[in-house]
Each structure stands twice: as C-alpha cells, then as structure tokens.
C-alpha cells in the first residue's frame, strides 16, 4: 500500500456528488489512499498529466483488473507497442477523415429519424427519447452490430460500465455484466459471415480485415460499446441541460459567438463523463513524499483534474467561453480517447445543433427532478423536458 495519507469517504455521498470531497483532496491530500475504494487517488491535474504519460510506472496493463476479467484484454488495458498495434488497427474506423466523409451523414440521418417520432408539444424524457436511441443507433453503425436494437446496445453498455466500476464486488452487478458480454459475443458471431463477405468501415469490419486475433476483436468491440454509448448519451443530455439552465450561454451559442463544440467540451470538463481511469504501479515509485509499491492500484481522477483551481478559474461553474485546452475529459497521453473525433461529430456537429434547430423551444419541466450521479462514470440519469415545435 502507498504511503499516501488516508482519507475516508462515504460511498453513497461520493456517488451523488464527488466534487466536494475531490476539492478537499486537492487542498489537503492530492494523493490519498481511500480505503472504501481500495485505491490511492491522484486528484491534481499536474500529477495526473505527468503520470498518464509514464506508462512504465502507471501501467494500463492490469491482468487482475475488472475490465480484463469481465470484458477481455482490450487496447485500453495495454501499453506501448501492444496498445499502438490495436489502436492503429481501429483507426480507419474513427479517423477524422472517416468521421467526416462517412459517419457524420449517418449520424445526421439517425438524428432526423428519431426527432421525427417526437410529438409536437410532447413532454418527453430527453435522455430516454433522444440521447439514448441516437447514441445507440450511431454506435450500431460504428461497431457494425446493426443486427441489434438500440435498447440492447444501451443495456449492454450500462451493464459493462457498472461491472467495471463494481469495486464493492456486488454479484448481481457482475452477473449483469457477464450477460451483456455474452450478448455482444452472440451479436458478433451473427455478423461474422456478413463482414467476411462484405467488409466495411465499421469497427468489426476493419478489425477483422486487419487480421487481429478474434479474442482481441471481441474485447475491442466491447470496449467501444462500453464507452461509445454511455458517455455520448450522457454528454448529449448533459450539455443540453447545461445550456437550458444557463440561457445567456445558450444565446451565445445560437448567435454563433461560441461554437457547439465549445459548449460540449466545457460540459465535458465541468461534469466529466469519464471521471476516473485506473492504473497499476509497474515498479516501485515515489511522487514527492508518497511512495508506491509494485502492483498497487491507482485511480487517476479526471473529474478532479478538470476542476483543479490551479488551472481553471471558477472551476465549479459552467462557462462556454472558457479555455478548455487543459481539460483531460478525453484522457491524455498515449491513451487519449480513440473515439474522440466521432464523439465530437455526434454531439457537436449533429445532435446539439439539430435538436435546437428542429425544436422551436425546449423547456425543462419541474414535475420531476433532474437526477445526476456517478464518480467513475458521471452524468444525468434523466432529463424531463417539453418539446415545443
């Protein structure tokens, strides 16, 4: 165990709102052992930015980690050339050129079709009725698993996200995760003859064409589903909520003084959909006066880094005019999110401008509270609105 000072948390309170405790850690103990999580947490942006790049110490290779055990050994849990080989194999699907030339038009078609089903003046849950199906349909296209429905995609993603954050070891959560990965394997098996006969630009298509071993193909498709559904779904609904609750900032975007991308990236800094990334200590190491032991587990708290007062003024406030160049919402270093360009296109080029263009007005209704939760993966759980066209 590290020599970091011990800080206790109340897990339910931390799940409901981790930011007060993270602010306390940044001030009093930016490197702290939290027994309730069984890990040492790095809370300052400077420590995280440096450590993220030191893969010889802060290794993503975690043979006993929850992701490896539950989803298979994917590129996120590999370092160095092993990581780069699989990242290069996936790149043709998610490159900026492919996103612009191939996927953006499909994203737009999904958005238009889903909005067409929304009744004028309807009271809807924006999360359930737009963000969830839109993310699911986009991810079906990108992964190549067009043989399932968006509801399955969403359920599988959530089950895996819950599973790899199941540090309390809840057997029911683990069982749901296993059921999800089995469902994904069956969907992949169903699509293999199609992809081998007619390979396309989907992730399944390009990974099969690359000659990647089948177990790695499966693991990386599961990785794409775990993050590619949950995070965009929450970011779409969350950015909409942030803009609706800050109407003066929405006006700036609508007038073209601030871009939709700036609004999305500020939301991703403010309420980081991926709030944490785990690492394994690959060799004994010391940061200032804190020593780490071999194979110790460390959490890089991206959500804390994105509210670090040393780098962001009024860090707890949403401000679309902010310089977010120091945000680590998509990670940093060699593990910077491979799907970042696709996410930006989905959210900032398609979802947000299309929703605001197609709806005459959107109002948050007050008959149901907006709920938000999570610390490893954080975001809105619902968004009741009235869609006025």
Protein backbone atom coordinates (compact mmCIF):
# COMPACT_ATOMS: atom_id res chain seq x y z
CA UNK A 1 0.00 0.00 0.00
CA UNK A 2 1.25 3.52 -0.74
CA UNK A 3 2.43 5.86 2.00
CA UNK A 4 -0.22 8.39 0.95
CA UNK A 5 -2.36 9.85 3.75
CA UNK A 6 -5.65 8.07 4.31
CA UNK A 7 -8.93 9.81 3.54
CA UNK A 8 -12.28 8.16 4.20
CA UNK A 9 -15.30 8.76 2.01
CA UNK A 10 -18.97 7.96 2.28
CA UNK A 11 -19.56 5.95 -0.94
CA UNK A 12 -23.24 6.96 -1.46
CA UNK A 13 -22.38 10.65 -0.97
CA UNK A 14 -19.35 10.32 -3.23
CA UNK A 15 -21.54 8.75 -5.94
CA UNK A 16 -24.14 11.50 -5.59
CA UNK A 17 -21.59 14.34 -5.76
CA UNK A 18 -17.86 13.61 -5.63
CA UNK A 19 -16.74 17.20 -6.19
CA UNK A 20 -16.70 18.48 -2.58
CA UNK A 21 -14.53 15.57 -1.45
CA UNK A 22 -12.28 15.87 -4.51
CA UNK A 23 -11.81 19.58 -3.77
CA UNK A 24 -10.83 18.66 -0.21
CA UNK A 25 -8.30 16.15 -1.52
CA UNK A 26 -6.75 18.67 -3.91
CA UNK A 27 -6.33 21.08 -0.99
CA UNK A 28 -5.29 18.72 1.81
CA UNK A 29 -4.02 15.50 0.23
CA UNK A 30 -3.83 15.49 -3.60
CA UNK A 31 -2.51 11.95 -3.38
CA UNK A 32 -4.61 9.99 -0.90
CA UNK A 33 -5.42 6.38 -0.10
CA UNK A 34 -9.19 5.81 0.08
CA UNK A 35 -9.89 2.51 1.88
CA UNK A 36 -13.52 2.40 0.72
CA UNK A 37 -12.23 2.18 -2.87
CA UNK A 38 -9.14 0.13 -2.08
CA UNK A 39 -7.01 2.51 -4.12
CA UNK A 40 -4.76 5.53 -4.00
CA UNK A 41 -6.32 8.51 -5.78
CA UNK A 42 -4.44 11.19 -7.70
CA UNK A 43 -6.58 14.33 -7.60
CA UNK A 44 -4.44 17.17 -9.02
CA UNK A 45 -4.26 17.88 -12.73
CA UNK A 46 -0.47 18.25 -12.68
CA UNK A 47 0.11 14.85 -11.07
CA UNK A 48 -2.38 13.19 -13.42
CA UNK A 49 -0.97 14.83 -16.56
CA UNK A 50 2.54 13.64 -15.73
CA UNK A 51 1.57 10.18 -14.53
CA UNK A 52 -0.68 9.45 -17.51
CA UNK A 53 2.38 9.61 -19.77
CA UNK A 54 4.65 7.48 -17.52
CA UNK A 55 3.40 4.12 -18.76
CA UNK A 56 6.46 2.34 -17.36
CA UNK A 57 5.20 3.25 -13.89
CA UNK A 58 1.46 3.92 -14.19
CA UNK A 59 0.60 0.96 -16.36
CA UNK A 60 -2.72 0.36 -18.08
CA UNK A 61 -1.89 -3.36 -18.21
CA UNK A 62 -3.92 -4.78 -15.34
CA UNK A 63 -4.27 -8.58 -15.61
CA UNK A 64 -6.38 -8.73 -12.45
CA UNK A 65 -8.42 -5.62 -13.24
CA UNK A 66 -12.19 -5.70 -13.58
CA UNK A 67 -12.14 -4.70 -17.25
CA UNK A 68 -9.82 -7.56 -18.21
CA UNK A 69 -11.78 -10.09 -16.19
CA UNK A 70 -15.19 -9.01 -17.42
CA UNK A 71 -14.65 -7.71 -20.96
CA UNK A 72 -11.41 -9.24 -22.20
CA UNK A 73 -7.96 -7.76 -22.79
CA UNK A 74 -8.56 -4.70 -24.98
CA UNK A 75 -6.31 -1.88 -26.17
CA UNK A 76 -7.20 0.34 -23.19
CA UNK A 77 -5.52 -2.17 -20.90
CA UNK A 78 -2.34 -2.46 -22.94
CA UNK A 79 0.73 -0.23 -23.09
CA UNK A 80 3.43 0.64 -25.58
CA UNK A 81 3.53 -1.19 -28.92
CA UNK A 82 0.84 -3.69 -27.87
CA UNK A 83 -1.54 -0.76 -27.40
CA UNK A 84 -0.44 1.01 -30.57
CA UNK A 85 -0.88 -2.08 -32.78
CA UNK A 86 -4.54 -2.38 -31.83
CA UNK A 87 -5.10 1.38 -31.91
CA UNK A 88 -3.70 1.53 -35.46
CA UNK A 89 -5.95 -1.34 -36.50
CA UNK A 90 -9.04 0.53 -35.27
CA UNK A 91 -8.00 3.94 -36.62
CA UNK A 92 -9.55 3.57 -40.11
CA UNK A 93 -12.98 3.46 -38.47
CA UNK A 94 -12.62 6.51 -36.22
CA UNK A 95 -10.12 8.73 -38.05
CA UNK A 96 -11.13 12.37 -38.59
CA UNK A 97 -11.33 11.71 -42.34
CA UNK A 98 -13.64 8.70 -41.94
CA UNK A 99 -15.83 10.52 -39.44
CA UNK A 100 -16.24 13.47 -41.78
CA UNK A 101 -16.64 11.52 -45.01
CA UNK A 102 -18.63 8.54 -43.82
CA UNK A 103 -20.14 8.66 -40.35
CA UNK A 104 -21.42 12.23 -39.97
CA UNK A 105 -24.08 11.81 -42.65
CA UNK A 106 -25.26 8.61 -40.97
CA UNK A 107 -25.35 10.37 -37.60
CA UNK A 108 -27.49 13.09 -39.15
CA UNK A 109 -29.91 10.57 -40.61
CA UNK A 110 -30.28 8.88 -37.21
CA UNK A 111 -30.95 12.22 -35.51
CA UNK A 112 -33.56 13.31 -38.05
CA UNK A 113 -35.37 9.98 -37.94
CA UNK A 114 -35.56 9.95 -34.13
CA UNK A 115 -36.74 13.57 -33.93
CA UNK A 116 -39.46 12.78 -36.48
CA UNK A 117 -41.01 10.42 -33.91
CA UNK A 118 -41.32 13.12 -31.21
CA UNK A 119 -44.81 14.57 -30.98
CA UNK A 120 -45.12 18.38 -31.04
CA UNK A 121 -45.64 19.86 -27.56
CA UNK A 122 -44.88 16.48 -26.02
CA UNK A 123 -43.45 16.01 -22.55
CA UNK A 124 -40.54 13.65 -23.00
CA UNK A 125 -37.53 12.35 -21.13
CA UNK A 126 -34.84 13.68 -23.42
CA UNK A 127 -32.37 11.10 -22.16
CA UNK A 128 -34.70 8.19 -22.92
CA UNK A 129 -36.36 9.56 -26.06
CA UNK A 130 -33.45 11.14 -27.93
CA UNK A 131 -29.99 10.85 -26.35
CA UNK A 132 -30.23 7.10 -25.70
CA UNK A 133 -31.59 5.99 -29.11
CA UNK A 134 -29.38 8.44 -31.00
CA UNK A 135 -26.20 7.22 -29.27
CA UNK A 136 -27.31 3.62 -29.74
CA UNK A 137 -28.04 3.96 -33.45
CA UNK A 138 -24.75 5.78 -34.08
CA UNK A 139 -22.84 3.10 -32.20
CA UNK A 140 -24.58 0.32 -34.11
CA UNK A 141 -23.27 1.91 -37.30
CA UNK A 142 -19.73 2.43 -35.99
CA UNK A 143 -19.33 -1.03 -34.44
CA UNK A 144 -21.04 -2.86 -37.30
CA UNK A 145 -23.53 -4.55 -34.97
CA UNK A 146 -26.55 -3.46 -36.98
CA UNK A 147 -28.29 -6.72 -36.11
CA UNK A 148 -29.37 -5.47 -32.66
CA UNK A 149 -31.62 -2.67 -31.49
CA UNK A 150 -30.50 0.48 -29.70
CA UNK A 151 -32.08 -0.69 -26.45
CA UNK A 152 -29.81 -3.73 -26.36
CA UNK A 153 -26.80 -1.55 -27.14
CA UNK A 154 -27.66 0.77 -24.25
CA UNK A 155 -28.36 -2.03 -21.78
CA UNK A 156 -25.13 -3.83 -22.65
CA UNK A 157 -23.10 -0.65 -22.35
CA UNK A 158 -24.57 0.22 -18.96
CA UNK A 159 -24.09 -3.32 -17.66
CA UNK A 160 -20.41 -3.26 -18.61
CA UNK A 161 -19.88 0.22 -17.19
CA UNK A 162 -21.48 -0.90 -13.94
CA UNK A 163 -19.40 -4.08 -13.97
CA UNK A 164 -16.00 -2.44 -14.39
CA UNK A 165 -16.85 0.10 -11.66
CA UNK A 166 -18.08 -2.65 -9.31
CA UNK A 167 -15.32 -2.20 -6.75
CA UNK A 168 -17.69 -3.32 -3.99
CA UNK A 169 -17.97 -6.74 -5.66
CA UNK A 170 -21.77 -6.89 -5.95
CA UNK A 171 -22.50 -10.32 -7.52
CA UNK A 172 -25.72 -9.11 -9.18
CA UNK A 173 -23.82 -6.33 -10.98
CA UNK A 174 -21.17 -8.82 -12.11
CA UNK A 175 -23.86 -11.21 -13.39
CA UNK A 176 -25.47 -8.47 -15.49
CA UNK A 177 -22.08 -7.65 -16.96
CA UNK A 178 -21.46 -11.29 -17.92
CA UNK A 179 -24.90 -11.45 -19.55
CA UNK A 180 -24.08 -8.31 -21.55
CA UNK A 181 -20.74 -9.59 -22.82
CA UNK A 182 -22.36 -12.90 -23.79
CA UNK A 183 -24.97 -10.97 -25.76
CA UNK A 184 -22.29 -8.99 -27.56
CA UNK A 185 -20.39 -12.17 -28.44
CA UNK A 186 -23.57 -13.66 -29.92
CA UNK A 187 -24.21 -10.50 -31.94
CA UNK A 188 -20.62 -10.55 -33.25
CA UNK A 189 -20.95 -14.22 -34.22
CA UNK A 190 -24.14 -13.41 -36.11
CA UNK A 191 -22.39 -10.67 -38.12
CA UNK A 192 -19.15 -12.54 -38.91
CA UNK A 193 -20.35 -14.13 -42.18
CA UNK A 194 -21.67 -10.77 -43.36
CA UNK A 195 -18.48 -8.89 -42.54
CA UNK A 196 -16.21 -11.54 -44.04
CA UNK A 197 -18.19 -11.49 -47.27
CA UNK A 198 -18.68 -7.71 -47.43
CA UNK A 199 -16.15 -5.92 -45.18
CA UNK A 200 -16.99 -2.30 -44.44
CA UNK A 201 -15.63 0.65 -42.47
CA UNK A 202 -17.21 -0.40 -39.19
CA UNK A 203 -15.01 -1.36 -36.26
CA UNK A 204 -15.86 -5.03 -36.61
CA UNK A 205 -15.13 -4.84 -40.33
CA UNK A 206 -11.72 -3.16 -40.06
CA UNK A 207 -10.54 -5.26 -37.10
CA UNK A 208 -11.39 -8.49 -38.92
CA UNK A 209 -9.64 -7.21 -42.06
CA UNK A 210 -6.55 -6.34 -40.00
CA UNK A 211 -6.02 -9.97 -39.02
CA UNK A 212 -6.38 -9.22 -35.32
CA UNK A 213 -6.94 -12.36 -33.20
CA UNK A 214 -10.63 -12.99 -32.62
CA UNK A 215 -10.40 -12.67 -28.85
CA UNK A 216 -8.93 -9.18 -29.29
CA UNK A 217 -11.58 -8.25 -31.85
CA UNK A 218 -14.27 -9.18 -29.33
CA UNK A 219 -12.56 -7.33 -26.48
CA UNK A 220 -12.17 -4.13 -28.51
CA UNK A 221 -15.75 -4.14 -29.79
CA UNK A 222 -16.86 -4.46 -26.17
CA UNK A 223 -14.59 -1.56 -25.25
CA UNK A 224 -16.20 0.59 -27.95
CA UNK A 225 -19.66 -0.27 -26.69
CA UNK A 226 -18.84 0.35 -23.03
CA UNK A 227 -17.71 3.91 -23.68
CA UNK A 228 -19.27 4.72 -27.03
CA UNK A 229 -22.86 4.52 -25.80
CA UNK A 230 -22.78 5.57 -22.17
CA UNK A 231 -20.60 8.68 -22.43
CA UNK A 232 -22.16 10.28 -25.56
CA UNK A 233 -25.65 9.59 -24.23
CA UNK A 234 -24.87 11.40 -21.00
CA UNK A 235 -22.93 14.19 -22.71
CA UNK A 236 -25.73 14.97 -25.18
CA UNK A 237 -28.37 15.20 -22.47
CA UNK A 238 -25.97 16.89 -20.06
CA UNK A 239 -24.88 19.61 -22.47
CA UNK A 240 -28.50 20.32 -23.37
CA UNK A 241 -29.35 20.57 -19.66
CA UNK A 242 -26.37 22.86 -19.00
CA UNK A 243 -27.36 25.19 -21.83
CA UNK A 244 -31.05 25.26 -20.85
CA UNK A 245 -30.12 26.12 -17.26
CA UNK A 246 -27.70 28.82 -18.47
CA UNK A 247 -29.85 30.60 -21.10
CA UNK A 248 -27.43 33.50 -21.53
CA UNK A 249 -24.78 31.00 -22.60
CA UNK A 250 -27.20 29.25 -24.94
CA UNK A 251 -27.77 32.64 -26.57
CA UNK A 252 -24.03 32.97 -27.20
CA UNK A 253 -24.01 29.63 -28.99
CA UNK A 254 -27.13 30.36 -31.03
CA UNK A 255 -25.69 33.71 -32.12
CA UNK A 256 -22.52 31.96 -33.29
CA UNK A 257 -20.29 33.72 -30.78
CA UNK A 258 -19.41 30.35 -29.25
CA UNK A 259 -19.45 27.03 -31.12
CA UNK A 260 -21.45 23.94 -30.24
CA UNK A 261 -18.11 22.18 -29.84
CA UNK A 262 -17.00 24.70 -27.20
CA UNK A 263 -20.26 24.14 -25.31
CA UNK A 264 -19.84 20.37 -25.41
CA UNK A 265 -16.18 20.44 -24.38
CA UNK A 266 -16.91 22.80 -21.49
CA UNK A 267 -19.65 20.44 -20.29
CA UNK A 268 -17.23 17.51 -20.55
CA UNK A 269 -14.79 19.44 -18.37
CA UNK A 270 -17.45 20.54 -15.87
CA UNK A 271 -19.21 17.18 -15.49
CA UNK A 272 -16.62 14.71 -16.73
CA UNK A 273 -18.49 11.69 -18.17
CA UNK A 274 -15.34 9.64 -17.56
CA UNK A 275 -14.33 10.71 -14.10
CA UNK A 276 -11.60 8.16 -13.41
CA UNK A 277 -9.12 5.86 -15.11
CA UNK A 278 -7.36 3.07 -13.16
CA UNK A 279 -3.65 2.27 -13.33
CA UNK A 280 -1.34 -0.41 -11.92
CA UNK A 281 2.01 0.54 -10.42
CA UNK A 282 4.51 -1.36 -12.58
CA UNK A 283 7.57 -0.62 -10.44
CA UNK A 284 8.20 1.00 -7.06
CA UNK A 285 7.87 4.75 -7.42
CA UNK A 286 7.79 7.97 -5.42
CA UNK A 287 5.97 11.22 -6.12
CA UNK A 288 7.25 13.91 -3.80
CA UNK A 289 6.92 12.22 -0.37
CA UNK A 290 4.47 9.46 -1.39
CA UNK A 291 5.90 6.04 -2.21
CA UNK A 292 4.06 3.37 -4.21
CA UNK A 293 4.54 -0.38 -4.14
CA UNK A 294 4.61 -2.80 -7.08
CA UNK A 295 1.15 -3.80 -8.39
CA UNK A 296 -0.67 -1.22 -6.29
CA UNK A 297 -3.89 0.16 -7.80
CA UNK A 298 -4.11 3.89 -8.51
CA UNK A 299 -7.04 5.94 -9.76
CA UNK A 300 -6.34 8.96 -11.97
CA UNK A 301 -9.29 11.22 -11.11
CA UNK A 302 -10.00 13.03 -14.39
CA UNK A 303 -13.12 14.63 -12.92
CA UNK A 304 -10.96 16.23 -10.23
CA UNK A 305 -8.28 17.34 -12.71
CA UNK A 306 -10.95 19.13 -14.73
CA UNK A 307 -11.93 21.20 -11.70
CA UNK A 308 -8.41 21.92 -10.49
CA UNK A 309 -8.36 25.52 -9.25
CA UNK A 310 -4.73 25.91 -10.34
CA UNK A 311 -5.77 25.62 -13.97
CA UNK A 312 -9.42 26.68 -14.16
CA UNK A 313 -10.84 29.84 -12.61
CA UNK A 314 -14.31 29.38 -11.13
CA UNK A 315 -13.82 25.70 -11.88
CA UNK A 316 -17.18 24.68 -10.40
CA UNK A 317 -19.06 26.91 -12.84
CA UNK A 318 -20.20 26.08 -16.38
CA UNK A 319 -18.87 28.70 -18.81
CA UNK A 320 -18.89 28.11 -22.56
CA UNK A 321 -16.36 30.94 -23.07
CA UNK A 322 -13.72 29.11 -21.04
CA UNK A 323 -10.40 27.94 -22.49
CA UNK A 324 -10.66 24.14 -22.10
CA UNK A 325 -7.28 23.32 -23.64
CA UNK A 326 -6.11 21.88 -20.32
CA UNK A 327 -9.16 19.65 -19.90
CA UNK A 328 -8.48 15.90 -19.71
CA UNK A 329 -12.07 14.90 -20.46
CA UNK A 330 -10.82 12.59 -23.24
CA UNK A 331 -7.79 11.48 -21.27
CA UNK A 332 -4.20 12.41 -22.02
CA UNK A 333 -1.02 10.84 -23.28
CA UNK A 334 -0.95 7.61 -25.32
CA UNK A 335 -4.42 6.58 -24.12
CA UNK A 336 -6.19 9.70 -25.38
CA UNK A 337 -9.67 8.53 -26.40
CA UNK A 338 -9.55 6.98 -29.88
CA UNK A 339 -13.22 7.79 -30.40
CA UNK A 340 -12.89 11.50 -29.63
CA UNK A 341 -13.47 12.65 -33.23
CA UNK A 342 -16.58 10.50 -33.59
CA UNK A 343 -17.93 11.76 -30.27
CA UNK A 344 -17.38 15.39 -31.22
CA UNK A 345 -19.17 14.86 -34.53
CA UNK A 346 -22.09 13.03 -32.92
CA UNK A 347 -22.61 15.63 -30.22
CA UNK A 348 -21.34 18.98 -31.51
CA UNK A 349 -21.88 18.67 -35.26
CA UNK A 350 -25.14 16.71 -35.26
CA UNK A 351 -27.06 16.17 -32.01
CA UNK A 352 -27.00 19.61 -30.39
CA UNK A 353 -27.46 21.85 -33.45
CA UNK A 354 -30.12 19.53 -34.88
CA UNK A 355 -32.14 19.39 -31.67
CA UNK A 356 -32.14 23.15 -31.24
CA UNK A 357 -32.91 23.70 -34.93
CA UNK A 358 -35.78 21.22 -35.04
CA UNK A 359 -37.44 22.19 -31.75
CA UNK A 360 -38.96 25.65 -31.62
CA UNK A 361 -38.32 25.66 -27.90
CA UNK A 362 -37.29 23.12 -25.25
CA UNK A 363 -38.19 23.66 -21.63
CA UNK A 364 -37.17 21.67 -18.58
CA UNK A 365 -40.34 20.65 -16.74
CA UNK A 366 -40.48 20.92 -12.98
CA UNK A 367 -42.75 17.97 -12.15
CA UNK A 368 -39.75 15.63 -11.86
CA UNK A 369 -36.25 16.42 -10.56
CA UNK A 370 -33.28 16.06 -12.87
CA UNK A 371 -31.06 13.37 -11.37
CA UNK A 372 -27.31 13.09 -11.76
CA UNK A 373 -24.86 10.61 -10.28
CA UNK A 374 -21.62 8.70 -10.50
CA UNK A 375 -17.94 9.37 -9.86
CA UNK A 376 -16.09 6.89 -12.10
CA UNK A 377 -18.67 7.50 -14.82
CA UNK A 378 -20.85 10.54 -14.18
CA UNK A 379 -23.84 12.11 -15.85
CA UNK A 380 -27.56 12.77 -15.95
CA UNK A 381 -29.91 9.87 -15.33
CA UNK A 382 -32.97 11.62 -16.77
CA UNK A 383 -33.96 14.92 -18.36
CA UNK A 384 -37.72 15.70 -18.38
CA UNK A 385 -38.47 18.40 -20.96
CA UNK A 386 -41.34 19.75 -23.01
CA UNK A 387 -40.59 19.70 -26.72
CA UNK A 388 -42.31 22.72 -28.27
CA UNK A 389 -42.15 22.80 -32.06
